Amino acid sequence: MRAFDYNEAFGRNLGWLTPHEQTTLRGKKVAIAGLGGAGGVHLLTLARLGIGRFHVADLDQFDLVNFNRQAGASMSSMGQPKAEVMARLARDINPELDIRVFDAGVQPHNVDAFLDGVDLYVDGLDYFVFSARRLVYDACRARGIPITFAVPLGMGAAVLNFLPDGPGFDEYFRLQGTPEDEWPIRFLVGLAPALLHRGYLVYPEIVDFKTQRVPSTGLACQLCAGMAGTEALKILLGRGKVRAVPHSLQFDAYTGKLKRTWRPGGNAHPLQRLAIAYVNWRLSRKNT
């Protein structure tokens, strides 16, 4: 068995990265909360980019329902903690990784430790986890930590960046003061104002925000990882233009469409309010 050598393992990144940039990434620390569909692939993608330090958090275990999209889900990992399984897979890519596991998820009592020394937070939390997401976003903002969030949608993905000097979670999504049963709709419209995936949902009966059931594909999670990884590279290296909210980007591989949007005021923008009304109307038609 060959001994691990960092420079050889990640040498094929050079060209797109300079040797100095690769060394820089080796010293960066990224936090990822949620290691399921998108978050698990985020971790492996960033590990292959050569990032050397991670804090990872998830309180769930792998199950059969995860098999269609989650990188760590397999017969051999069923019933095992997602955070431990994914950390093991990441260490198998880079045995020199400095990786700390938070197997109780991110909670008020450990968020300080989770974000300690972190250069970037990558959001991999479940779609419906609003309280934990707000906790981490607020804590990142207080510490000046940038956030990259790529979400799988249909057979594509949308990506948003939250930078310390830009709008925060509440300022953009505007969930506060609205009915909680509308939060998933407002969240969806904030994530992907273009709604490029709306036209090919062939079995709408499966969508039920009340029971937190939505369809997903592994195809979208893989696209997420590439998009989030690219944003992470630009942020960590200070190279390339980084657009933050109220800018967003959605790419849909099924339709072959790419759409950039700019919504000052987030979900308070008139076009966002129209989109929220449209999604509410579509869901009401499904339920009649």
Protein backbone atom coordinates (compact mmCIF):
# COMPACT_ATOMS: atom_id res chain seq x y z
CA MET A 1 0.00 0.00 0.00
CA ARG A 2 1.39 3.40 -1.00
CA ALA A 3 1.96 6.09 1.58
CA PHE A 4 -0.26 9.16 1.34
CA ASP A 5 1.34 12.28 -0.13
CA TYR A 6 -0.75 15.47 -0.12
CA ASN A 7 1.04 17.13 -3.03
CA GLU A 8 0.67 14.09 -5.26
CA ALA A 9 -2.91 13.38 -4.20
CA PHE A 10 -4.12 16.86 -5.14
CA GLY A 11 -1.52 17.75 -7.77
CA ARG A 12 -4.09 17.53 -10.58
CA ASN A 13 -5.80 20.61 -9.13
CA LEU A 14 -2.77 22.63 -10.21
CA GLY A 15 -3.35 24.66 -13.32
CA TRP A 16 -6.76 25.69 -12.07
CA LEU A 17 -4.98 26.47 -8.80
CA THR A 18 -1.46 27.73 -8.27
CA PRO A 19 0.82 25.80 -5.89
CA HIS A 20 0.47 28.66 -3.40
CA GLU A 21 -3.35 28.53 -3.61
CA GLN A 22 -3.33 24.76 -3.05
CA THR A 23 -1.20 25.28 0.06
CA THR A 24 -3.61 28.00 1.19
CA LEU A 25 -6.60 25.65 0.88
CA ARG A 26 -4.73 23.03 2.88
CA GLY A 27 -4.72 25.42 5.84
CA LYS A 28 -8.37 26.52 5.58
CA LYS A 29 -11.13 25.31 7.90
CA VAL A 30 -14.68 24.78 6.61
CA ALA A 31 -17.73 23.99 8.74
CA ILE A 32 -20.57 21.93 7.26
CA ALA A 33 -23.84 21.28 9.10
CA GLY A 34 -26.00 18.55 7.61
CA LEU A 35 -24.26 15.63 5.89
CA GLY A 36 -27.13 14.11 3.96
CA GLY A 37 -27.98 14.75 0.32
CA ALA A 38 -26.05 17.92 -0.44
CA GLY A 39 -23.90 18.23 2.68
CA GLY A 40 -22.27 14.83 2.35
CA VAL A 41 -21.19 15.49 -1.22
CA HIS A 42 -20.02 18.96 -0.20
CA LEU A 43 -17.62 17.41 2.30
CA LEU A 44 -16.14 14.91 -0.15
CA THR A 45 -15.86 17.51 -2.91
CA LEU A 46 -14.08 20.01 -0.67
CA ALA A 47 -11.82 17.27 0.69
CA ARG A 48 -10.81 16.43 -2.90
CA LEU A 49 -10.15 20.14 -3.45
CA GLY A 50 -7.47 19.75 -0.79
CA ILE A 51 -9.05 21.71 2.05
CA GLY A 52 -7.36 20.42 5.16
CA ARG A 53 -9.62 21.15 8.12
CA PHE A 54 -13.33 20.62 8.77
CA HIS A 55 -15.96 20.84 11.46
CA VAL A 56 -18.92 18.63 10.50
CA ALA A 57 -22.27 18.22 12.23
CA ASP A 58 -25.25 15.89 11.87
CA LEU A 59 -27.41 14.14 14.45
CA ASP A 60 -29.08 11.63 12.10
CA GLN A 61 -28.29 8.07 11.02
CA PHE A 62 -28.34 6.61 7.52
CA ASP A 63 -31.46 4.72 6.44
CA LEU A 64 -32.84 3.14 3.28
CA VAL A 65 -34.80 6.28 2.36
CA ASN A 66 -31.46 8.10 1.88
CA PHE A 67 -30.14 5.79 -0.85
CA ASN A 68 -31.31 7.81 -3.86
CA ARG A 69 -29.16 10.85 -3.10
CA GLN A 70 -26.86 10.71 -0.07
CA ALA A 71 -23.17 9.99 -0.66
CA GLY A 72 -22.70 7.98 2.53
CA ALA A 73 -25.88 5.91 2.30
CA SER A 74 -25.25 2.21 1.63
CA MET A 75 -26.14 -1.17 3.04
CA SER A 76 -22.97 -1.14 5.11
CA SER A 77 -23.73 2.28 6.66
CA MET A 78 -27.40 1.81 7.54
CA GLY A 79 -28.09 2.77 11.13
CA GLN A 80 -24.70 4.43 11.52
CA PRO A 81 -24.32 8.15 12.39
CA LYS A 82 -24.04 10.25 9.24
CA ALA A 83 -21.35 12.50 10.70
CA GLU A 84 -19.10 9.58 11.63
CA VAL A 85 -19.57 7.80 8.30
CA MET A 86 -18.86 10.92 6.25
CA ALA A 87 -15.84 11.85 8.36
CA ARG A 88 -14.49 8.35 7.74
CA LEU A 89 -15.00 8.70 3.98
CA ALA A 90 -13.30 12.10 3.98
CA ARG A 91 -10.32 10.71 5.93
CA ASP A 92 -10.08 7.93 3.37
CA ILE A 93 -9.49 10.64 0.76
CA ASN A 94 -7.05 12.58 2.93
CA PRO A 95 -5.72 10.73 6.00
CA GLU A 96 -4.11 13.97 7.18
CA LEU A 97 -7.44 15.77 7.57
CA ASP A 98 -8.06 17.67 10.75
CA ILE A 99 -11.78 16.94 11.11
CA ARG A 100 -13.93 17.39 14.20
CA VAL A 101 -17.30 15.66 14.39
CA PHE A 102 -20.36 17.16 16.10
CA ASP A 103 -22.64 14.12 16.23
CA ALA A 104 -25.39 15.92 18.16
CA GLY A 105 -25.84 18.43 15.34
CA VAL A 106 -25.50 22.16 15.86
CA GLN A 107 -27.16 23.32 19.06
CA PRO A 108 -27.11 26.57 21.06
CA HIS A 109 -24.64 24.98 23.50
CA ASN A 110 -22.08 23.97 20.84
CA VAL A 111 -22.43 26.52 18.03
CA ASP A 112 -19.44 28.50 19.35
CA ALA A 113 -17.21 25.43 19.21
CA PHE A 114 -18.63 24.45 15.80
CA LEU A 115 -17.63 27.82 14.31
CA ASP A 116 -14.35 28.22 16.20
CA GLY A 117 -11.58 29.21 13.78
CA VAL A 118 -13.79 28.58 10.75
CA ASP A 119 -13.10 30.40 7.46
CA LEU A 120 -16.35 29.44 5.69
CA TYR A 121 -19.66 27.79 6.57
CA VAL A 122 -21.29 25.56 3.95
CA ASP A 123 -24.99 24.93 4.60
CA GLY A 124 -26.06 21.31 4.14
CA LEU A 125 -28.98 21.33 6.57
CA ASP A 126 -32.28 19.71 5.72
CA TYR A 127 -34.71 21.96 3.85
CA PHE A 128 -37.17 22.24 6.76
CA VAL A 129 -34.70 22.89 9.60
CA PHE A 130 -35.40 26.59 10.09
CA SER A 131 -34.47 27.07 13.76
CA ALA A 132 -31.04 25.44 13.46
CA ARG A 133 -30.37 27.24 10.19
CA ARG A 134 -31.19 30.63 11.73
CA LEU A 135 -29.00 29.79 14.74
CA VAL A 136 -25.96 29.07 12.57
CA TYR A 137 -26.55 31.99 10.19
CA ASP A 138 -26.85 34.46 13.06
CA ALA A 139 -23.73 33.04 14.71
CA CYS A 140 -21.78 33.27 11.44
CA ARG A 141 -22.89 36.86 10.97
CA ALA A 142 -21.78 37.79 14.47
CA ARG A 143 -18.34 36.31 13.74
CA GLY A 144 -17.96 37.66 10.20
CA ILE A 145 -17.97 34.16 8.65
CA PRO A 146 -19.19 33.93 5.03
CA ILE A 147 -21.80 31.34 4.08
CA THR A 148 -22.31 29.34 0.89
CA PHE A 149 -25.61 27.54 0.40
CA ALA A 150 -26.37 25.33 -2.60
CA VAL A 151 -29.72 23.57 -2.60
CA PRO A 152 -30.84 20.67 -4.85
CA LEU A 153 -33.98 21.47 -6.85
CA GLY A 154 -35.44 18.94 -9.27
CA MET A 155 -32.55 18.00 -11.56
CA GLY A 156 -30.62 21.17 -10.92
CA ALA A 157 -29.42 23.40 -8.13
CA ALA A 158 -29.44 26.96 -6.86
CA VAL A 159 -26.63 28.67 -5.01
CA LEU A 160 -26.62 31.71 -2.72
CA ASN A 161 -23.86 33.37 -0.73
CA PHE A 162 -24.39 35.29 2.50
CA LEU A 163 -21.47 37.62 3.16
CA PRO A 164 -20.88 39.47 6.45
CA ASP A 165 -21.52 42.90 4.92
CA GLY A 166 -24.67 41.89 3.02
CA PRO A 167 -28.26 40.96 3.92
CA GLY A 168 -28.69 38.30 6.58
CA PHE A 169 -31.02 35.30 6.70
CA ASP A 170 -34.07 37.12 8.07
CA GLU A 171 -33.55 40.21 5.94
CA TYR A 172 -33.51 38.10 2.78
CA PHE A 173 -36.04 35.30 3.39
CA ARG A 174 -38.49 37.41 5.47
CA LEU A 175 -39.97 34.48 7.35
CA GLN A 176 -40.59 36.38 10.57
CA GLY A 177 -44.13 37.65 10.95
CA THR A 178 -45.54 35.17 8.39
CA PRO A 179 -47.46 31.92 9.06
CA GLU A 180 -45.07 29.04 9.77
CA ASP A 181 -46.88 26.78 7.31
CA GLU A 182 -45.86 29.23 4.57
CA TRP A 183 -42.18 29.23 5.52
CA PRO A 184 -41.23 26.34 3.17
CA ILE A 185 -42.82 28.21 0.25
CA ARG A 186 -41.13 31.49 1.07
CA PHE A 187 -37.85 29.64 1.56
CA LEU A 188 -38.19 27.95 -1.85
CA VAL A 189 -38.91 31.20 -3.65
CA GLY A 190 -36.01 32.91 -1.88
CA LEU A 191 -33.66 30.11 -2.88
CA ALA A 192 -34.66 29.97 -6.54
CA PRO A 193 -36.68 32.98 -7.69
CA ALA A 194 -36.61 31.70 -11.29
CA LEU A 195 -38.29 28.38 -10.31
CA LEU A 196 -36.70 26.72 -13.37
CA HIS A 197 -37.63 23.26 -12.09
CA ARG A 198 -41.37 23.90 -11.84
CA GLY A 199 -42.32 22.66 -15.32
CA TYR A 200 -41.33 18.98 -15.12
CA LEU A 201 -42.73 17.87 -11.76
CA VAL A 202 -44.60 14.84 -13.14
CA TYR A 203 -46.00 13.52 -9.85
CA PRO A 204 -47.06 16.57 -7.80
CA GLU A 205 -49.13 14.43 -5.44
CA ILE A 206 -45.92 13.50 -3.62
CA VAL A 207 -45.23 17.08 -2.51
CA ASP A 208 -46.51 17.79 0.99
CA PHE A 209 -44.90 20.64 2.90
CA LYS A 210 -47.04 19.90 5.96
CA THR A 211 -45.48 16.45 6.40
CA GLN A 212 -42.13 17.74 5.10
CA ARG A 213 -42.15 15.40 2.13
CA VAL A 214 -40.57 16.63 -1.09
CA PRO A 215 -38.96 14.73 -3.99
CA SER A 216 -35.20 14.73 -4.48
CA THR A 217 -32.55 13.36 -6.83
CA GLY A 218 -28.90 12.47 -6.46
CA LEU A 219 -28.35 14.27 -9.76
CA ALA A 220 -29.18 17.58 -8.10
CA CYS A 221 -26.97 16.89 -5.09
CA GLN A 222 -23.97 16.30 -7.34
CA LEU A 223 -24.61 19.60 -9.14
CA CYS A 224 -24.93 21.31 -5.75
CA ALA A 225 -21.50 20.16 -4.71
CA GLY A 226 -19.85 21.55 -7.83
CA MET A 227 -21.58 24.90 -7.45
CA ALA A 228 -20.95 25.22 -3.71
CA GLY A 229 -17.36 24.02 -4.12
CA THR A 230 -16.66 26.67 -6.74
CA GLU A 231 -18.10 29.41 -4.54
CA ALA A 232 -16.07 28.08 -1.60
CA LEU A 233 -12.88 28.20 -3.67
CA LYS A 234 -13.50 31.81 -4.70
CA ILE A 235 -14.33 32.93 -1.16
CA LEU A 236 -11.43 31.12 0.51
CA LEU A 237 -8.87 32.28 -2.03
CA GLY A 238 -10.31 35.76 -2.62
CA ARG A 239 -10.27 35.05 -6.34
CA GLY A 240 -13.10 35.71 -8.77
CA LYS A 241 -16.31 37.64 -8.37
CA VAL A 242 -18.56 36.44 -5.55
CA ARG A 243 -22.19 37.50 -5.84
CA ALA A 244 -24.07 37.51 -2.56
CA VAL A 245 -27.77 37.81 -1.81
CA PRO A 246 -29.92 39.44 -3.04
CA HIS A 247 -28.20 37.80 -6.06
CA SER A 248 -28.86 34.12 -6.68
CA LEU A 249 -28.04 31.61 -9.39
CA GLN A 250 -30.03 28.57 -10.52
CA PHE A 251 -28.91 26.00 -13.07
CA ASP A 252 -31.34 23.33 -14.23
CA ALA A 253 -29.76 20.46 -16.14
CA TYR A 254 -33.12 19.03 -17.26
CA THR A 255 -34.22 22.17 -19.06
CA GLY A 256 -30.68 23.28 -19.88
CA LYS A 257 -31.37 26.71 -18.41
CA LEU A 258 -29.22 29.01 -16.32
CA LYS A 259 -30.74 32.01 -14.58
CA ARG A 260 -29.21 34.74 -12.45
CA THR A 261 -31.62 36.78 -10.36
CA TRP A 262 -31.36 39.95 -8.31
CA ARG A 263 -34.07 40.62 -5.76
CA PRO A 264 -33.33 43.65 -3.53
CA GLY A 265 -35.31 43.22 -0.34
CA GLY A 266 -35.41 39.46 -0.79
CA ASN A 267 -38.91 38.09 -0.39
CA ALA A 268 -40.25 41.62 0.12
CA HIS A 269 -39.53 42.30 -3.57
CA PRO A 270 -42.72 42.53 -5.70
CA LEU A 271 -41.61 39.71 -8.01
CA GLN A 272 -40.94 37.51 -5.00
CA ARG A 273 -44.40 38.18 -3.63
CA LEU A 274 -45.87 37.17 -6.99
CA ALA A 275 -43.80 33.99 -7.01
CA ILE A 276 -44.94 33.12 -3.47
CA ALA A 277 -48.55 33.61 -4.54
CA TYR A 278 -47.95 31.42 -7.60
CA VAL A 279 -46.54 28.53 -5.55
CA ASN A 280 -49.40 28.83 -3.04
CA TRP A 281 -51.84 28.66 -5.96
CA ARG A 282 -50.13 25.58 -7.44
CA LEU A 283 -50.26 23.79 -4.12
CA SER A 284 -53.90 24.72 -3.56
CA ARG A 285 -54.80 23.26 -6.98
CA LYS A 286 -53.01 20.02 -6.08
CA ASN A 287 -55.05 19.71 -2.91
CA THR A 288 -58.44 20.25 -4.55
